[in-house]
Amino acid sequence: MNKSELVDAVSVGADLSKAAADRAVNIFMKAVAEALAAGQEVVLPGFGKFEVRERAARSGRNPKTGEVMEIAASKTVAFKPAKAVKDAVAD
């Protein structure tokens, strides 16, 4: 599912115009991104949890040359699905 398909689903499910559904989806995505950037978790009961995780610095290899190189520490977004979502996917 891409964004336009999500907007269509929200439009039909919430009985909104496509423009209103698009605004709602954009506001949701912006709110999630801002909360994660501020270091907060985003918990959606029955759906899952978005959180920022730290990745430690580590050594790696350049696949082309085989040279050992240092990979810098970084942050990444992780999603942990709720049981209902896991069960829906498993069916």
N, C-alpha and C. Protein backbone atom coordinates (compact mmCIF):
# COMPACT_ATOMS: atom_id res chain seq x y z
N MET A 1 0.86 -1.17 0.00
CA MET A 1 0.00 0.00 0.00
C MET A 1 0.90 1.23 0.00
N ASN A 2 0.61 2.15 -0.89
CA ASN A 2 1.35 3.40 -0.91
C ASN A 2 0.48 4.51 -0.30
N LYS A 3 1.00 5.73 -0.28
CA LYS A 3 0.29 6.82 0.39
C LYS A 3 -1.07 7.10 -0.25
N SER A 4 -1.15 7.10 -1.56
CA SER A 4 -2.43 7.42 -2.20
C SER A 4 -3.47 6.34 -1.91
N GLU A 5 -3.04 5.08 -1.82
CA GLU A 5 -3.97 4.01 -1.45
C GLU A 5 -4.41 4.15 0.00
N LEU A 6 -3.50 4.59 0.87
CA LEU A 6 -3.86 4.84 2.27
C LEU A 6 -4.86 5.99 2.36
N VAL A 7 -4.63 7.05 1.61
CA VAL A 7 -5.57 8.19 1.60
C VAL A 7 -6.93 7.72 1.11
N ASP A 8 -6.98 6.90 0.09
CA ASP A 8 -8.26 6.37 -0.40
C ASP A 8 -8.96 5.56 0.68
N ALA A 9 -8.22 4.71 1.39
CA ALA A 9 -8.81 3.89 2.44
C ALA A 9 -9.34 4.74 3.59
N VAL A 10 -8.60 5.78 3.97
CA VAL A 10 -9.05 6.68 5.03
C VAL A 10 -10.27 7.45 4.56
N SER A 11 -10.26 7.88 3.32
CA SER A 11 -11.38 8.63 2.76
C SER A 11 -12.68 7.81 2.82
N VAL A 12 -12.59 6.55 2.40
CA VAL A 12 -13.77 5.67 2.39
C VAL A 12 -14.17 5.30 3.82
N GLY A 13 -13.18 4.92 4.63
CA GLY A 13 -13.46 4.45 5.99
C GLY A 13 -14.00 5.52 6.92
N ALA A 14 -13.56 6.76 6.74
CA ALA A 14 -13.99 7.85 7.62
C ALA A 14 -15.04 8.74 6.95
N ASP A 15 -15.47 8.37 5.74
CA ASP A 15 -16.45 9.15 4.99
C ASP A 15 -15.99 10.61 4.86
N LEU A 16 -14.75 10.76 4.39
CA LEU A 16 -14.16 12.08 4.18
C LEU A 16 -13.87 12.26 2.69
N SER A 17 -13.72 13.53 2.30
CA SER A 17 -13.27 13.77 0.93
C SER A 17 -11.81 13.33 0.84
N LYS A 18 -11.34 13.10 -0.37
CA LYS A 18 -9.95 12.69 -0.53
C LYS A 18 -9.01 13.78 -0.05
N ALA A 19 -9.38 15.04 -0.25
CA ALA A 19 -8.53 16.15 0.20
C ALA A 19 -8.43 16.17 1.72
N ALA A 20 -9.55 15.96 2.40
CA ALA A 20 -9.53 15.93 3.87
C ALA A 20 -8.76 14.72 4.38
N ALA A 21 -8.92 13.59 3.74
CA ALA A 21 -8.17 12.39 4.13
C ALA A 21 -6.68 12.59 3.91
N ASP A 22 -6.30 13.23 2.82
CA ASP A 22 -4.89 13.51 2.54
C ASP A 22 -4.31 14.42 3.62
N ARG A 23 -5.05 15.46 4.01
CA ARG A 23 -4.59 16.34 5.09
C ARG A 23 -4.42 15.56 6.39
N ALA A 24 -5.37 14.68 6.70
CA ALA A 24 -5.31 13.89 7.93
C ALA A 24 -4.09 12.97 7.93
N VAL A 25 -3.83 12.31 6.82
CA VAL A 25 -2.67 11.42 6.72
C VAL A 25 -1.38 12.22 6.84
N ASN A 26 -1.31 13.38 6.19
CA ASN A 26 -0.12 14.22 6.28
C ASN A 26 0.12 14.71 7.70
N ILE A 27 -0.94 15.11 8.39
CA ILE A 27 -0.82 15.57 9.78
C ILE A 27 -0.35 14.42 10.67
N PHE A 28 -0.90 13.23 10.45
CA PHE A 28 -0.48 12.06 11.23
C PHE A 28 1.01 11.79 11.03
N MET A 29 1.46 11.76 9.78
CA MET A 29 2.87 11.47 9.50
C MET A 29 3.78 12.53 10.10
N LYS A 30 3.38 13.80 10.01
CA LYS A 30 4.17 14.88 10.57
C LYS A 30 4.24 14.78 12.09
N ALA A 31 3.12 14.47 12.74
CA ALA A 31 3.10 14.34 14.19
C ALA A 31 3.98 13.20 14.66
N VAL A 32 3.94 12.07 13.96
CA VAL A 32 4.79 10.92 14.32
C VAL A 32 6.26 11.28 14.15
N ALA A 33 6.61 11.90 13.03
CA ALA A 33 8.00 12.27 12.77
C ALA A 33 8.51 13.27 13.81
N GLU A 34 7.70 14.24 14.17
CA GLU A 34 8.12 15.23 15.17
C GLU A 34 8.30 14.60 16.54
N ALA A 35 7.40 13.69 16.92
CA ALA A 35 7.53 13.03 18.22
C ALA A 35 8.79 12.17 18.26
N LEU A 36 9.07 11.44 17.19
CA LEU A 36 10.27 10.61 17.15
C LEU A 36 11.53 11.48 17.16
N ALA A 37 11.51 12.60 16.46
CA ALA A 37 12.66 13.51 16.44
C ALA A 37 12.92 14.09 17.83
N ALA A 38 11.86 14.23 18.64
CA ALA A 38 11.98 14.74 20.00
C ALA A 38 12.36 13.64 20.99
N GLY A 39 12.55 12.41 20.49
CA GLY A 39 12.95 11.32 21.35
C GLY A 39 11.81 10.60 22.04
N GLN A 40 10.59 10.87 21.64
CA GLN A 40 9.42 10.23 22.25
C GLN A 40 9.05 8.96 21.49
N GLU A 41 8.40 8.05 22.20
CA GLU A 41 7.81 6.87 21.56
C GLU A 41 6.42 7.25 21.08
N VAL A 42 5.97 6.61 20.02
CA VAL A 42 4.60 6.78 19.54
C VAL A 42 3.92 5.42 19.69
N VAL A 43 2.97 5.35 20.62
CA VAL A 43 2.30 4.09 20.91
C VAL A 43 0.86 4.19 20.41
N LEU A 44 0.49 3.25 19.54
CA LEU A 44 -0.87 3.17 19.01
C LEU A 44 -1.45 1.84 19.47
N PRO A 45 -2.19 1.82 20.58
CA PRO A 45 -2.71 0.55 21.10
C PRO A 45 -3.48 -0.22 20.03
N GLY A 46 -3.19 -1.50 19.97
CA GLY A 46 -3.82 -2.35 18.97
C GLY A 46 -3.12 -2.35 17.63
N PHE A 47 -2.17 -1.44 17.45
CA PHE A 47 -1.42 -1.37 16.19
C PHE A 47 0.06 -1.62 16.41
N GLY A 48 0.69 -0.81 17.29
CA GLY A 48 2.10 -1.01 17.56
C GLY A 48 2.76 0.21 18.13
N LYS A 49 4.10 0.14 18.18
CA LYS A 49 4.88 1.21 18.80
C LYS A 49 6.05 1.57 17.89
N PHE A 50 6.21 2.87 17.64
CA PHE A 50 7.36 3.41 16.93
C PHE A 50 8.31 3.97 17.98
N GLU A 51 9.61 3.70 17.82
CA GLU A 51 10.58 4.25 18.75
C GLU A 51 11.90 4.49 18.03
N VAL A 52 12.72 5.35 18.63
CA VAL A 52 14.04 5.62 18.09
C VAL A 52 15.02 4.73 18.85
N ARG A 53 15.86 4.02 18.10
CA ARG A 53 16.88 3.16 18.70
C ARG A 53 18.26 3.66 18.29
N GLU A 54 19.19 3.54 19.23
CA GLU A 54 20.58 3.93 18.99
C GLU A 54 21.34 2.73 18.41
N ARG A 55 22.13 2.98 17.42
CA ARG A 55 23.05 1.97 16.89
C ARG A 55 24.46 2.38 17.30
N ALA A 56 25.17 1.48 17.93
CA ALA A 56 26.53 1.78 18.38
C ALA A 56 27.49 1.82 17.18
N ALA A 57 28.60 2.53 17.38
CA ALA A 57 29.64 2.52 16.36
C ALA A 57 30.21 1.11 16.27
N ARG A 58 30.63 0.72 15.07
CA ARG A 58 31.14 -0.63 14.89
C ARG A 58 32.09 -0.67 13.70
N SER A 59 32.83 -1.75 13.63
CA SER A 59 33.74 -1.94 12.49
C SER A 59 33.00 -2.70 11.39
N GLY A 60 33.32 -2.38 10.18
CA GLY A 60 32.73 -3.07 9.04
C GLY A 60 33.78 -3.22 7.95
N ARG A 61 33.40 -3.78 6.85
CA ARG A 61 34.31 -3.94 5.72
C ARG A 61 33.70 -3.32 4.47
N ASN A 62 34.54 -2.67 3.72
CA ASN A 62 34.14 -2.18 2.42
C ASN A 62 34.04 -3.40 1.51
N PRO A 63 32.85 -3.73 1.00
CA PRO A 63 32.70 -4.94 0.20
C PRO A 63 33.51 -4.93 -1.09
N LYS A 64 33.83 -3.76 -1.58
CA LYS A 64 34.57 -3.67 -2.84
C LYS A 64 36.06 -3.93 -2.64
N THR A 65 36.62 -3.33 -1.57
CA THR A 65 38.07 -3.44 -1.36
C THR A 65 38.45 -4.38 -0.23
N GLY A 66 37.51 -4.71 0.64
CA GLY A 66 37.80 -5.56 1.79
C GLY A 66 38.45 -4.80 2.92
N GLU A 67 38.63 -3.50 2.74
CA GLU A 67 39.27 -2.66 3.76
C GLU A 67 38.37 -2.53 4.99
N VAL A 68 38.98 -2.64 6.19
CA VAL A 68 38.23 -2.46 7.43
C VAL A 68 37.97 -0.97 7.59
N MET A 69 36.74 -0.64 7.96
CA MET A 69 36.37 0.77 8.15
C MET A 69 35.48 0.90 9.37
N GLU A 70 35.43 2.08 9.92
CA GLU A 70 34.63 2.35 11.10
C GLU A 70 33.27 2.88 10.65
N ILE A 71 32.19 2.28 11.16
CA ILE A 71 30.83 2.74 10.86
C ILE A 71 30.39 3.56 12.07
N ALA A 72 30.00 4.79 11.84
CA ALA A 72 29.64 5.71 12.92
C ALA A 72 28.36 5.28 13.63
N ALA A 73 28.22 5.71 14.88
CA ALA A 73 26.99 5.49 15.63
C ALA A 73 25.87 6.26 14.93
N SER A 74 24.65 5.75 15.04
CA SER A 74 23.52 6.42 14.40
C SER A 74 22.24 6.10 15.14
N LYS A 75 21.19 6.77 14.75
CA LYS A 75 19.85 6.52 15.29
C LYS A 75 18.99 5.99 14.16
N THR A 76 18.04 5.13 14.51
CA THR A 76 17.12 4.60 13.51
C THR A 76 15.74 4.46 14.12
N VAL A 77 14.73 4.43 13.30
CA VAL A 77 13.35 4.25 13.76
C VAL A 77 13.02 2.76 13.70
N ALA A 78 12.42 2.27 14.78
CA ALA A 78 12.01 0.87 14.84
C ALA A 78 10.51 0.82 15.10
N PHE A 79 9.88 -0.23 14.57
CA PHE A 79 8.45 -0.44 14.78
C PHE A 79 8.26 -1.81 15.40
N LYS A 80 7.52 -1.86 16.49
CA LYS A 80 7.18 -3.14 17.12
C LYS A 80 5.67 -3.30 17.02
N PRO A 81 5.21 -4.25 16.22
CA PRO A 81 3.76 -4.42 16.03
C PRO A 81 3.09 -4.98 17.27
N ALA A 82 1.83 -4.60 17.45
CA ALA A 82 1.00 -5.14 18.53
C ALA A 82 0.59 -6.56 18.17
N LYS A 83 0.12 -7.30 19.16
CA LYS A 83 -0.27 -8.69 18.96
C LYS A 83 -1.34 -8.82 17.89
N ALA A 84 -2.31 -7.91 17.87
CA ALA A 84 -3.38 -7.97 16.88
C ALA A 84 -2.82 -7.89 15.45
N VAL A 85 -1.82 -7.04 15.25
CA VAL A 85 -1.22 -6.89 13.92
C VAL A 85 -0.42 -8.15 13.57
N LYS A 86 0.34 -8.66 14.54
CA LYS A 86 1.09 -9.89 14.30
C LYS A 86 0.15 -11.04 13.92
N ASP A 87 -0.96 -11.15 14.65
CA ASP A 87 -1.93 -12.21 14.36
C ASP A 87 -2.57 -12.05 12.99
N ALA A 88 -2.85 -10.80 12.61
CA ALA A 88 -3.48 -10.54 11.30
C ALA A 88 -2.52 -10.91 10.17
N VAL A 89 -1.23 -10.66 10.36
CA VAL A 89 -0.24 -10.98 9.34
C VAL A 89 -0.02 -12.49 9.26
N ALA A 90 -0.10 -13.16 10.39
CA ALA A 90 0.15 -14.61 10.43
C ALA A 90 -0.96 -15.40 9.78
N ASP A 91 -2.16 -14.85 9.67
CA ASP A 91 -3.30 -15.60 9.09
C ASP A 91 -3.17 -15.81 7.62
